[in-house]
Amino acid sequence: MLPKNEGYLHWHIADWCNYACSYCCENRFNKADKKPRFVKEPLVGAALRFFRALPGHWTVRLTSGEPSAHPELFYITRRLAEMDHKISIITNFSLPLERYQRFVLEAGHRLDYLHISFHLEEADEQEFIAKCAALKSFLAKRAAASLMGVYCVALPEYSEKIRSAMERFKGKGIDLKLQLYMPNARAFPRGKLIGAGETGRRKEPSPSGRAALSLLRTVFHNKGRRMIESFPGSFESSAAPKLESPKGKPCLAGIKWIVVDIRGDVWRCHNARQDGPLPGSHLGNVLKGDVALLPTVLPCSYDSCGCPGHPID
C-alpha cells in the first residue's frame, strides 16, 4: 500500500546483467551479446526532467538488469538527490563494496532503501554475507541501518537451500527475507510492435503468449502461497504476494505508481509494460514529453500482481 501523498516509480536504467540466473524474471543476460546496455543521454536528461516535474513526493527506484553497474550511477544519484524525491535501488550486490558505500553517500538524506538480492546460483555466499555485514555497519554509523534489506527469490524448488542459507545469514546478524517471483513476458511469442520510444520499439505478447503469461503468473502466485506457509513471517509486506486476486479492484497504478522503461516509455505497472497497450496502460514517453498520469483510479486488470498500487486506504 502506498503512503498518502507519496508516489513510487521504477526507473529501468539497465538492460543488461552480469548474472545469468536460471529463474531470472527479466532475462537480461544474453550469452550471444554480453555488451552492457544502459540508458544514456538524451534519455537520462529527459527522465530527470520528468521526475523533477512530478507533483508531490516520489520514491525513484533504480532497477532492471544490474543498475549498480551503470557507468553514470553516481551522476544519476546526485541529480535525483537534488530533487524533492527519495532514492532506492535494487541490486545483486556483486560489485565492490565501495561502490555501494559511495551510492549511499551520493544519495545522502534522500536515501530510501537498498534492496539487496541474494542469488543462490551466482553469488559466493560467504563473501556476500561479509559484504552485507560491512554495508550494514557503514549504514549504522549514519543512523541508517534500517535502510537496507536482503532478499532471496521465493522458489519452492530452492526451499531447503533457502532455509539453510537463512540460518547462516542470521548467524552473522543479517535477516534474509523472501521476495515473490513474477514471470516476465520476454519468454513468450510476440505480436505487433508497441511503444513510441526514440531509442527503440518492442513487441507485445501475441494472444497465445499473453494467455501463457497469465497462466504462469497464476502458477507462481500459488507457489508464493506455498512459500508463505513454509516460511511464516519471512515475507515483508512490500515483498509478499497478495493472496487475493486484485483484478477489478481500484488501483493507484498510473497515478501514484508507474514504471519508466529503458526506452523512456512510461507504464501504469509492470504487468502493463509486459502485456502491452490495454486501456490506460501506456502513459507516454519522457523523450517525447507527452507523459500524462491517469486522471482517475482504474480497476486492476490482472489476476495476480506484486505492485504497490492497491489496496487503496
C-alpha atoms as a PDB file:
ATOM      1  CA  MET A   1       0.000   0.000   0.000  1.00  0.00           C
ATOM      2  CA  LEU A   2       1.297   3.445  -0.926  1.00  0.00           C
ATOM      3  CA  PRO A   3       1.539   6.140   1.750  1.00  0.00           C
ATOM      4  CA  LYS A   4      -0.847   9.034   1.255  1.00  0.00           C
ATOM      5  CA  ASN A   5       0.524  11.942  -0.801  1.00  0.00           C
ATOM      6  CA  GLU A   6       3.510   9.877  -1.981  1.00  0.00           C
ATOM      7  CA  GLY A   7       4.287   8.209  -5.287  1.00  0.00           C
ATOM      8  CA  TYR A   8       6.541   5.317  -6.228  1.00  0.00           C
ATOM      9  CA  LEU A   9       8.224   4.595  -9.549  1.00  0.00           C
ATOM     10  CA  HIS A  10      10.678   2.124 -11.016  1.00  0.00           C
ATOM     11  CA  TRP A  11      13.235   3.538 -13.442  1.00  0.00           C
ATOM     12  CA  HIS A  12      14.874   0.924 -15.666  1.00  0.00           C
ATOM     13  CA  ILE A  13      18.396   2.228 -16.178  1.00  0.00           C
ATOM     14  CA  ALA A  14      19.987  -1.046 -17.365  1.00  0.00           C
ATOM     15  CA  ASP A  15      19.053  -3.652 -19.935  1.00  0.00           C
ATOM     16  CA  TRP A  16      21.937  -5.940 -19.042  1.00  0.00           C
ATOM     17  CA  CYS A  17      23.009  -8.043 -16.062  1.00  0.00           C
ATOM     18  CA  ASN A  18      26.279  -9.724 -15.110  1.00  0.00           C
ATOM     19  CA  TYR A  19      24.363 -12.679 -13.614  1.00  0.00           C
ATOM     20  CA  ALA A  20      22.651 -15.464 -15.558  1.00  0.00           C
ATOM     21  CA  CYS A  21      20.168 -16.848 -13.018  1.00  0.00           C
ATOM     22  CA  SER A  22      18.011 -19.626 -14.473  1.00  0.00           C
ATOM     23  CA  TYR A  23      14.889 -18.144 -12.831  1.00  0.00           C
ATOM     24  CA  CYS A  24      15.501 -14.530 -13.871  1.00  0.00           C
ATOM     25  CA  CYS A  25      12.194 -12.739 -14.434  1.00  0.00           C
ATOM     26  CA  GLU A  26      13.824 -10.121 -16.685  1.00  0.00           C
ATOM     27  CA  ASN A  27      16.130 -12.341 -18.782  1.00  0.00           C
ATOM     28  CA  ARG A  28      18.673  -9.533 -19.094  1.00  0.00           C
ATOM     29  CA  PHE A  29      21.699 -11.812 -19.569  1.00  0.00           C
ATOM     30  CA  ASN A  30      22.347 -12.726 -23.202  1.00  0.00           C
ATOM     31  CA  LYS A  31      25.175 -15.186 -23.892  1.00  0.00           C
ATOM     32  CA  ALA A  32      25.284 -14.090 -27.527  1.00  0.00           C
ATOM     33  CA  ASP A  33      25.612 -10.411 -26.633  1.00  0.00           C
ATOM     34  CA  LYS A  34      27.480  -9.693 -23.418  1.00  0.00           C
ATOM     35  CA  LYS A  35      27.934  -5.991 -24.187  1.00  0.00           C
ATOM     36  CA  PRO A  36      26.447  -3.916 -21.345  1.00  0.00           C
ATOM     37  CA  ARG A  37      23.394  -1.845 -22.276  1.00  0.00           C
ATOM     38  CA  PHE A  38      22.418   1.156 -20.168  1.00  0.00           C
ATOM     39  CA  VAL A  39      20.120   4.151 -20.503  1.00  0.00           C
ATOM     40  CA  LYS A  40      22.094   7.081 -21.951  1.00  0.00           C
ATOM     41  CA  GLU A  41      21.673  10.712 -22.904  1.00  0.00           C
ATOM     42  CA  PRO A  42      19.440  12.277 -24.053  1.00  0.00           C
ATOM     43  CA  LEU A  43      17.113   9.823 -22.309  1.00  0.00           C
ATOM     44  CA  VAL A  44      18.765  10.316 -18.901  1.00  0.00           C
ATOM     45  CA  GLY A  45      18.192  14.069 -19.053  1.00  0.00           C
ATOM     46  CA  ALA A  46      14.622  13.668 -20.274  1.00  0.00           C
ATOM     47  CA  ALA A  47      13.816  11.241 -17.464  1.00  0.00           C
ATOM     48  CA  LEU A  48      15.348  13.522 -14.825  1.00  0.00           C
ATOM     49  CA  ARG A  49      13.308  16.470 -16.097  1.00  0.00           C
ATOM     50  CA  PHE A  50      10.179  14.323 -15.953  1.00  0.00           C
ATOM     51  CA  PHE A  51      10.914  13.276 -12.366  1.00  0.00           C
ATOM     52  CA  ARG A  52      11.556  16.862 -11.308  1.00  0.00           C
ATOM     53  CA  ALA A  53       8.168  17.891 -12.685  1.00  0.00           C
ATOM     54  CA  LEU A  54       6.216  15.138 -10.942  1.00  0.00           C
ATOM     55  CA  PRO A  55       3.749  16.501  -8.376  1.00  0.00           C
ATOM     56  CA  GLY A  56       4.324  15.698  -4.711  1.00  0.00           C
ATOM     57  CA  HIS A  57       6.901  13.366  -3.201  1.00  0.00           C
ATOM     58  CA  TRP A  58       8.048  10.213  -5.000  1.00  0.00           C
ATOM     59  CA  THR A  59      10.478   7.370  -4.431  1.00  0.00           C
ATOM     60  CA  VAL A  60      12.570   6.620  -7.514  1.00  0.00           C
ATOM     61  CA  ARG A  61      13.865   3.045  -7.525  1.00  0.00           C
ATOM     62  CA  LEU A  62      16.770   2.326  -9.882  1.00  0.00           C
ATOM     63  CA  THR A  63      16.190  -1.131 -11.275  1.00  0.00           C
ATOM     64  CA  SER A  64      16.257  -3.614 -14.186  1.00  0.00           C
ATOM     65  CA  GLY A  65      19.273  -5.682 -15.158  1.00  0.00           C
ATOM     66  CA  GLU A  66      22.021  -4.650 -12.734  1.00  0.00           C
ATOM     67  CA  PRO A  67      21.585  -0.891 -12.162  1.00  0.00           C
ATOM     68  CA  SER A  68      24.608  -0.569  -9.866  1.00  0.00           C
ATOM     69  CA  ALA A  69      26.798  -1.329 -12.914  1.00  0.00           C
ATOM     70  CA  HIS A  70      25.562   1.790 -14.737  1.00  0.00           C
ATOM     71  CA  PRO A  71      28.659   3.871 -15.599  1.00  0.00           C
ATOM     72  CA  GLU A  72      26.812   7.082 -14.651  1.00  0.00           C
ATOM     73  CA  LEU A  73      25.242   5.724 -11.457  1.00  0.00           C
ATOM     74  CA  PHE A  74      26.695   8.441  -9.228  1.00  0.00           C
ATOM     75  CA  TYR A  75      25.778  11.279 -11.605  1.00  0.00           C
ATOM     76  CA  ILE A  76      22.197   9.973 -11.762  1.00  0.00           C
ATOM     77  CA  THR A  77      22.072   9.607  -7.985  1.00  0.00           C
ATOM     78  CA  ARG A  78      23.373  13.141  -7.418  1.00  0.00           C
ATOM     79  CA  ARG A  79      20.809  14.619  -9.797  1.00  0.00           C
ATOM     80  CA  LEU A  80      17.997  12.704  -8.096  1.00  0.00           C
ATOM     81  CA  ALA A  81      19.243  13.820  -4.666  1.00  0.00           C
ATOM     82  CA  GLU A  82      18.756  17.447  -5.749  1.00  0.00           C
ATOM     83  CA  MET A  83      15.007  16.827  -6.110  1.00  0.00           C
ATOM     84  CA  ASP A  84      12.298  16.513  -3.515  1.00  0.00           C
ATOM     85  CA  HIS A  85      12.167  12.749  -4.015  1.00  0.00           C
ATOM     86  CA  LYS A  86      13.688   9.705  -2.327  1.00  0.00           C
ATOM     87  CA  ILE A  87      16.142   7.284  -3.967  1.00  0.00           C
ATOM     88  CA  SER A  88      16.134   3.497  -3.869  1.00  0.00           C
ATOM     89  CA  ILE A  89      17.979   0.739  -5.732  1.00  0.00           C
ATOM     90  CA  ILE A  90      17.579  -2.988  -6.258  1.00  0.00           C
ATOM     91  CA  THR A  91      20.907  -4.739  -6.796  1.00  0.00           C
ATOM     92  CA  ASN A  92      22.547  -8.158  -6.877  1.00  0.00           C
ATOM     93  CA  PHE A  93      25.348  -6.601  -4.778  1.00  0.00           C
ATOM     94  CA  SER A  94      28.021  -8.156  -6.998  1.00  0.00           C
ATOM     95  CA  LEU A  95      30.269  -5.111  -7.439  1.00  0.00           C
ATOM     96  CA  PRO A  96      32.890  -3.888  -4.925  1.00  0.00           C
ATOM     97  CA  LEU A  97      31.543  -2.755  -1.558  1.00  0.00           C
ATOM     98  CA  GLU A  98      32.977   0.730  -2.073  1.00  0.00           C
ATOM     99  CA  ARG A  99      30.593   1.328  -4.976  1.00  0.00           C
ATOM    100  CA  TYR A 100      27.547   0.812  -2.765  1.00  0.00           C
ATOM    101  CA  GLN A 101      29.033   2.922   0.013  1.00  0.00           C
ATOM    102  CA  ARG A 102      29.545   5.773  -2.438  1.00  0.00           C
ATOM    103  CA  PHE A 103      25.956   5.357  -3.680  1.00  0.00           C
ATOM    104  CA  VAL A 104      24.803   5.855  -0.074  1.00  0.00           C
ATOM    105  CA  LEU A 105      26.921   8.991   0.253  1.00  0.00           C
ATOM    106  CA  GLU A 106      25.712  10.433  -3.058  1.00  0.00           C
ATOM    107  CA  ALA A 107      22.070   9.822  -2.114  1.00  0.00           C
ATOM    108  CA  GLY A 108      22.588  11.431   1.295  1.00  0.00           C
ATOM    109  CA  HIS A 109      19.420  12.170   3.231  1.00  0.00           C
ATOM    110  CA  ARG A 110      17.376  11.279   0.131  1.00  0.00           C
ATOM    111  CA  LEU A 111      18.289   7.595   0.503  1.00  0.00           C
ATOM    112  CA  ASP A 112      15.164   5.477   0.876  1.00  0.00           C
ATOM    113  CA  TYR A 113      16.276   1.852   0.635  1.00  0.00           C
ATOM    114  CA  LEU A 114      18.816  -0.607  -0.730  1.00  0.00           C
ATOM    115  CA  HIS A 115      17.055  -3.792  -1.835  1.00  0.00           C
ATOM    116  CA  ILE A 116      19.867  -6.367  -1.976  1.00  0.00           C
ATOM    117  CA  SER A 117      19.115  -9.607  -3.812  1.00  0.00           C
ATOM    118  CA  PHE A 118      20.939 -12.809  -2.868  1.00  0.00           C
ATOM    119  CA  HIS A 119      21.076 -15.195  -5.837  1.00  0.00           C
ATOM    120  CA  LEU A 120      21.904 -18.750  -4.819  1.00  0.00           C
ATOM    121  CA  GLU A 121      23.069 -19.746  -8.288  1.00  0.00           C
ATOM    122  CA  GLU A 122      25.567 -16.935  -8.753  1.00  0.00           C
ATOM    123  CA  ALA A 123      26.777 -15.373  -5.508  1.00  0.00           C
ATOM    124  CA  ASP A 124      29.537 -16.651  -3.239  1.00  0.00           C
ATOM    125  CA  GLU A 125      27.554 -16.877  -0.028  1.00  0.00           C
ATOM    126  CA  GLN A 126      30.412 -16.297   2.421  1.00  0.00           C
ATOM    127  CA  GLU A 127      31.669 -13.246   0.546  1.00  0.00           C
ATOM    128  CA  PHE A 128      28.114 -11.960   0.088  1.00  0.00           C
ATOM    129  CA  ILE A 129      27.321 -12.179   3.802  1.00  0.00           C
ATOM    130  CA  ALA A 130      30.566 -10.406   4.708  1.00  0.00           C
ATOM    131  CA  LYS A 131      29.742  -7.542   2.315  1.00  0.00           C
ATOM    132  CA  CYS A 132      26.206  -7.269   3.720  1.00  0.00           C
ATOM    133  CA  ALA A 133      27.563  -7.057   7.260  1.00  0.00           C
ATOM    134  CA  ALA A 134      30.073  -4.392   6.203  1.00  0.00           C
ATOM    135  CA  LEU A 135      27.417  -2.276   4.467  1.00  0.00           C
ATOM    136  CA  LYS A 136      25.065  -2.644   7.434  1.00  0.00           C
ATOM    137  CA  SER A 137      27.839  -1.349   9.703  1.00  0.00           C
ATOM    138  CA  PHE A 138      28.537   1.517   7.285  1.00  0.00           C
ATOM    139  CA  LEU A 139      24.849   2.494   7.344  1.00  0.00           C
ATOM    140  CA  ALA A 140      24.602   2.119  11.118  1.00  0.00           C
ATOM    141  CA  LYS A 141      27.288   4.779  11.565  1.00  0.00           C
ATOM    142  CA  ARG A 142      24.945   7.092   9.679  1.00  0.00           C
ATOM    143  CA  ALA A 143      21.868   6.041  11.663  1.00  0.00           C
ATOM    144  CA  ALA A 144      20.551   4.347   8.525  1.00  0.00           C
ATOM    145  CA  ALA A 145      20.924   0.611   9.239  1.00  0.00           C
ATOM    146  CA  SER A 146      17.211   0.078   8.576  1.00  0.00           C
ATOM    147  CA  LEU A 147      17.568   1.377   5.024  1.00  0.00           C
ATOM    148  CA  MET A 148      18.846  -1.920   3.610  1.00  0.00           C
ATOM    149  CA  GLY A 149      17.216  -5.315   3.269  1.00  0.00           C
ATOM    150  CA  VAL A 150      18.478  -8.624   1.926  1.00  0.00           C
ATOM    151  CA  TYR A 151      16.133 -10.816  -0.102  1.00  0.00           C
ATOM    152  CA  CYS A 152      16.088 -14.158  -1.868  1.00  0.00           C
ATOM    153  CA  VAL A 153      13.679 -15.199  -4.625  1.00  0.00           C
ATOM    154  CA  ALA A 154      10.992 -17.476  -3.159  1.00  0.00           C
ATOM    155  CA  LEU A 155      11.054 -20.554  -5.357  1.00  0.00           C
ATOM    156  CA  PRO A 156       9.757 -23.795  -3.740  1.00  0.00           C
ATOM    157  CA  GLU A 157      12.405 -25.883  -5.530  1.00  0.00           C
ATOM    158  CA  TYR A 158      15.061 -23.986  -3.548  1.00  0.00           C
ATOM    159  CA  SER A 159      13.259 -24.266  -0.204  1.00  0.00           C
ATOM    160  CA  GLU A 160      15.882 -26.321   1.616  1.00  0.00           C
ATOM    161  CA  LYS A 161      18.797 -24.263   0.291  1.00  0.00           C
ATOM    162  CA  ILE A 162      16.992 -21.076   1.287  1.00  0.00           C
ATOM    163  CA  ARG A 163      16.223 -22.381   4.757  1.00  0.00           C
ATOM    164  CA  SER A 164      19.860 -23.317   5.447  1.00  0.00           C
ATOM    165  CA  ALA A 165      21.101 -20.017   3.974  1.00  0.00           C
ATOM    166  CA  MET A 166      18.742 -18.109   6.288  1.00  0.00           C
ATOM    167  CA  GLU A 167      20.406 -19.701   9.305  1.00  0.00           C
ATOM    168  CA  ARG A 168      23.889 -18.765   8.128  1.00  0.00           C
ATOM    169  CA  PHE A 169      22.822 -15.184   7.373  1.00  0.00           C
ATOM    170  CA  LYS A 170      21.143 -14.948  10.781  1.00  0.00           C
ATOM    171  CA  GLY A 171      24.341 -16.124  12.443  1.00  0.00           C
ATOM    172  CA  LYS A 172      26.055 -13.032  11.042  1.00  0.00           C
ATOM    173  CA  GLY A 173      23.272 -10.661  12.072  1.00  0.00           C
ATOM    174  CA  ILE A 174      21.637 -10.471   8.633  1.00  0.00           C
ATOM    175  CA  ASP A 175      17.909 -11.099   8.234  1.00  0.00           C
ATOM    176  CA  LEU A 176      17.340 -12.840   4.880  1.00  0.00           C
ATOM    177  CA  LYS A 177      13.805 -12.168   3.654  1.00  0.00           C
ATOM    178  CA  LEU A 178      11.882 -13.631   0.733  1.00  0.00           C
ATOM    179  CA  GLN A 179      10.530 -11.899  -2.354  1.00  0.00           C
ATOM    180  CA  LEU A 180       7.890 -13.103  -4.791  1.00  0.00           C
ATOM    181  CA  TYR A 181       8.946 -14.380  -8.191  1.00  0.00           C
ATOM    182  CA  MET A 182       6.936 -12.943 -11.091  1.00  0.00           C
ATOM    183  CA  PRO A 183       7.455 -14.344 -14.615  1.00  0.00           C
ATOM    184  CA  ASN A 184       8.100 -11.916 -17.452  1.00  0.00           C
ATOM    185  CA  ALA A 185       6.647 -11.609 -20.938  1.00  0.00           C
ATOM    186  CA  ARG A 186      10.058 -11.895 -22.627  1.00  0.00           C
ATOM    187  CA  ALA A 187       9.757 -15.683 -22.794  1.00  0.00           C
ATOM    188  CA  PHE A 188       6.637 -15.703 -24.962  1.00  0.00           C
ATOM    189  CA  PRO A 189       5.766 -15.264 -28.662  1.00  0.00           C
ATOM    190  CA  ARG A 190       5.464 -11.652 -29.753  1.00  0.00           C
ATOM    191  CA  GLY A 191       2.764  -9.922 -31.739  1.00  0.00           C
ATOM    192  CA  LYS A 192       2.692  -6.387 -33.122  1.00  0.00           C
ATOM    193  CA  LEU A 193       5.157  -3.639 -32.245  1.00  0.00           C
ATOM    194  CA  ILE A 194       4.216  -1.221 -29.485  1.00  0.00           C
ATOM    195  CA  GLY A 195       5.819   1.721 -27.725  1.00  0.00           C
ATOM    196  CA  ALA A 196       6.960   5.024 -29.158  1.00  0.00           C
ATOM    197  CA  GLY A 197      10.349   5.458 -27.520  1.00  0.00           C
ATOM    198  CA  GLU A 198      13.034   7.159 -29.601  1.00  0.00           C
ATOM    199  CA  THR A 199      15.575   4.533 -28.500  1.00  0.00           C
ATOM    200  CA  GLY A 200      13.698   1.585 -29.931  1.00  0.00           C
ATOM    201  CA  ARG A 201      10.387  -0.226 -30.034  1.00  0.00           C
ATOM    202  CA  ARG A 202       9.255  -3.573 -28.723  1.00  0.00           C
ATOM    203  CA  LYS A 203       6.612  -6.157 -29.404  1.00  0.00           C
ATOM    204  CA  GLU A 204       3.726  -7.024 -27.153  1.00  0.00           C
ATOM    205  CA  PRO A 205       2.980 -10.707 -26.440  1.00  0.00           C
ATOM    206  CA  SER A 206       0.872 -12.481 -29.031  1.00  0.00           C
ATOM    207  CA  PRO A 207      -2.604 -13.602 -27.846  1.00  0.00           C
ATOM    208  CA  SER A 208      -1.223 -17.083 -27.129  1.00  0.00           C
ATOM    209  CA  GLY A 209       1.797 -15.587 -25.374  1.00  0.00           C
ATOM    210  CA  ARG A 210      -0.409 -13.363 -23.215  1.00  0.00           C
ATOM    211  CA  ALA A 211      -2.558 -16.347 -22.216  1.00  0.00           C
ATOM    212  CA  ALA A 212       0.547 -18.353 -21.318  1.00  0.00           C
ATOM    213  CA  LEU A 213       1.928 -15.462 -19.275  1.00  0.00           C
ATOM    214  CA  SER A 214      -1.358 -15.108 -17.377  1.00  0.00           C
ATOM    215  CA  LEU A 215      -1.303 -18.813 -16.587  1.00  0.00           C
ATOM    216  CA  LEU A 216       2.323 -18.665 -15.426  1.00  0.00           C
ATOM    217  CA  ARG A 217       1.575 -15.714 -13.155  1.00  0.00           C
ATOM    218  CA  THR A 218      -1.191 -17.744 -11.537  1.00  0.00           C
ATOM    219  CA  VAL A 219       1.124 -20.743 -11.112  1.00  0.00           C
ATOM    220  CA  PHE A 220       3.830 -18.660  -9.450  1.00  0.00           C
ATOM    221  CA  HIS A 221       1.250 -16.802  -7.374  1.00  0.00           C
ATOM    222  CA  ASN A 222       0.195 -20.179  -5.989  1.00  0.00           C
ATOM    223  CA  LYS A 223       3.847 -21.052  -5.399  1.00  0.00           C
ATOM    224  CA  GLY A 224       4.088 -17.833  -3.409  1.00  0.00           C
ATOM    225  CA  ARG A 225       1.187 -19.005  -1.256  1.00  0.00           C
ATOM    226  CA  ARG A 226       3.004 -22.247  -0.509  1.00  0.00           C
ATOM    227  CA  MET A 227       6.190 -20.404   0.403  1.00  0.00           C
ATOM    228  CA  ILE A 228       4.276 -18.199   2.846  1.00  0.00           C
ATOM    229  CA  GLU A 229       3.038 -21.372   4.537  1.00  0.00           C
ATOM    230  CA  SER A 230       6.542 -22.889   4.584  1.00  0.00           C
ATOM    231  CA  PHE A 231       8.299 -19.704   5.734  1.00  0.00           C
ATOM    232  CA  PRO A 232       5.892 -17.838   8.025  1.00  0.00           C
ATOM    233  CA  GLY A 233       6.996 -14.280   8.718  1.00  0.00           C
ATOM    234  CA  SER A 234       9.756 -14.377   6.090  1.00  0.00           C
ATOM    235  CA  PHE A 235       7.994 -12.117   3.581  1.00  0.00           C
ATOM    236  CA  GLU A 236       7.981  -8.411   4.331  1.00  0.00           C
ATOM    237  CA  SER A 237       4.688  -6.747   3.496  1.00  0.00           C
ATOM    238  CA  SER A 238       6.158  -4.943   0.482  1.00  0.00           C
ATOM    239  CA  ALA A 239       7.533  -8.196  -0.956  1.00  0.00           C
ATOM    240  CA  ALA A 240       4.732 -10.608  -0.047  1.00  0.00           C
ATOM    241  CA  PRO A 241       2.386 -11.952  -2.695  1.00  0.00           C
ATOM    242  CA  LYS A 242      -1.171 -10.689  -2.408  1.00  0.00           C
ATOM    243  CA  LEU A 243      -3.252 -13.768  -1.636  1.00  0.00           C
ATOM    244  CA  GLU A 244      -6.463 -12.398  -3.141  1.00  0.00           C
ATOM    245  CA  SER A 245      -6.771 -11.589  -6.827  1.00  0.00           C
ATOM    246  CA  PRO A 246      -6.572  -7.809  -7.373  1.00  0.00           C
ATOM    247  CA  LYS A 247      -8.479  -7.993 -10.669  1.00  0.00           C
ATOM    248  CA  GLY A 248     -11.323  -5.483 -10.787  1.00  0.00           C
ATOM    249  CA  LYS A 249     -10.250  -3.714  -7.603  1.00  0.00           C
ATOM    250  CA  PRO A 250      -9.423   0.014  -7.672  1.00  0.00           C
ATOM    251  CA  CYS A 251      -5.709   0.649  -8.048  1.00  0.00           C
ATOM    252  CA  LEU A 252      -3.486   3.735  -7.914  1.00  0.00           C
ATOM    253  CA  ALA A 253      -1.187   2.412 -10.654  1.00  0.00           C
ATOM    254  CA  GLY A 254      -0.788   5.128 -13.257  1.00  0.00           C
ATOM    255  CA  ILE A 255      -1.441   7.829 -10.666  1.00  0.00           C
ATOM    256  CA  LYS A 256       0.915   7.137  -7.752  1.00  0.00           C
ATOM    257  CA  TRP A 257       2.787   4.106  -9.119  1.00  0.00           C
ATOM    258  CA  ILE A 258       4.487   3.996 -12.548  1.00  0.00           C
ATOM    259  CA  VAL A 259       7.294   2.267 -14.449  1.00  0.00           C
ATOM    260  CA  VAL A 260       9.752   4.097 -16.722  1.00  0.00           C
ATOM    261  CA  ASP A 261      11.430   1.597 -19.037  1.00  0.00           C
ATOM    262  CA  ILE A 262      14.783   1.565 -20.800  1.00  0.00           C
ATOM    263  CA  ARG A 263      13.262   3.353 -23.814  1.00  0.00           C
ATOM    264  CA  GLY A 264      11.659   6.112 -21.777  1.00  0.00           C
ATOM    265  CA  ASP A 265       8.163   4.690 -22.154  1.00  0.00           C
ATOM    266  CA  VAL A 266       6.037   5.177 -19.036  1.00  0.00           C
ATOM    267  CA  TRP A 267       3.689   2.392 -17.989  1.00  0.00           C
ATOM    268  CA  ARG A 268       0.966   2.049 -15.424  1.00  0.00           C
ATOM    269  CA  CYS A 269       2.661  -1.002 -13.853  1.00  0.00           C
ATOM    270  CA  HIS A 270       4.989  -3.918 -14.662  1.00  0.00           C
ATOM    271  CA  ASN A 271       2.174  -6.136 -15.897  1.00  0.00           C
ATOM    272  CA  ALA A 272       1.063  -3.354 -18.254  1.00  0.00           C
ATOM    273  CA  ARG A 273       4.630  -2.973 -19.550  1.00  0.00           C
ATOM    274  CA  GLN A 274       4.834  -6.681 -20.303  1.00  0.00           C
ATOM    275  CA  ASP A 275       1.342  -7.231 -21.699  1.00  0.00           C
ATOM    276  CA  GLY A 276       1.039  -4.241 -23.990  1.00  0.00           C
ATOM    277  CA  PRO A 277      -1.458  -1.473 -24.604  1.00  0.00           C
ATOM    278  CA  LEU A 278      -4.532  -2.271 -22.570  1.00  0.00           C
ATOM    279  CA  PRO A 279      -6.632   0.857 -21.874  1.00  0.00           C
ATOM    280  CA  GLY A 280      -4.675   3.240 -19.656  1.00  0.00           C
ATOM    281  CA  SER A 281      -1.517   1.104 -19.624  1.00  0.00           C
ATOM    282  CA  HIS A 282       0.878   3.237 -21.708  1.00  0.00           C
ATOM    283  CA  LEU A 283       1.148   6.790 -20.352  1.00  0.00           C
ATOM    284  CA  GLY A 284       3.567   8.315 -22.852  1.00  0.00           C
ATOM    285  CA  ASN A 285       7.309   8.698 -23.358  1.00  0.00           C
ATOM    286  CA  VAL A 286       9.697  11.023 -21.496  1.00  0.00           C
ATOM    287  CA  LEU A 287      11.702  11.827 -24.647  1.00  0.00           C
ATOM    288  CA  LYS A 288       8.579  12.924 -26.476  1.00  0.00           C
ATOM    289  CA  GLY A 289       7.427  14.860 -23.423  1.00  0.00           C
ATOM    290  CA  ASP A 290       3.878  13.526 -23.771  1.00  0.00           C
ATOM    291  CA  VAL A 291       3.527  11.630 -20.482  1.00  0.00           C
ATOM    292  CA  ALA A 292       0.177  12.069 -18.755  1.00  0.00           C
ATOM    293  CA  LEU A 293      -0.602  10.295 -15.494  1.00  0.00           C
ATOM    294  CA  LEU A 294      -4.093   8.862 -15.237  1.00  0.00           C
ATOM    295  CA  PRO A 295      -6.709  11.398 -14.117  1.00  0.00           C
ATOM    296  CA  THR A 296      -8.704   8.863 -12.117  1.00  0.00           C
ATOM    297  CA  VAL A 297      -8.379   5.482 -10.422  1.00  0.00           C
ATOM    298  CA  LEU A 298      -8.882   2.460 -12.689  1.00  0.00           C
ATOM    299  CA  PRO A 299      -9.549  -1.156 -11.686  1.00  0.00           C
ATOM    300  CA  CYS A 300      -6.685  -3.636 -11.835  1.00  0.00           C
ATOM    301  CA  SER A 301      -6.701  -5.776 -14.999  1.00  0.00           C
ATOM    302  CA  TYR A 302      -4.698  -8.716 -13.636  1.00  0.00           C
ATOM    303  CA  ASP A 303      -5.353 -11.888 -11.669  1.00  0.00           C
ATOM    304  CA  SER A 304      -2.025 -11.682  -9.852  1.00  0.00           C
ATOM    305  CA  CYS A 305       0.251  -8.721  -9.277  1.00  0.00           C
ATOM    306  CA  GLY A 306       3.003  -7.510  -6.987  1.00  0.00           C
ATOM    307  CA  CYS A 307       2.666  -3.751  -7.436  1.00  0.00           C
ATOM    308  CA  PRO A 308       2.032  -1.328  -4.532  1.00  0.00           C
ATOM    309  CA  GLY A 309      -0.902   0.447  -6.188  1.00  0.00           C
ATOM    310  CA  HIS A 310      -3.514  -1.465  -4.216  1.00  0.00           C
ATOM    311  CA  PRO A 311      -5.206  -1.861  -1.860  1.00  0.00           C
ATOM    312  CA  ILE A 312      -6.269   1.767  -1.530  1.00  0.00           C
ATOM    313  CA  ASP A 313      -6.562   3.047   2.016  1.00  0.00           C
END
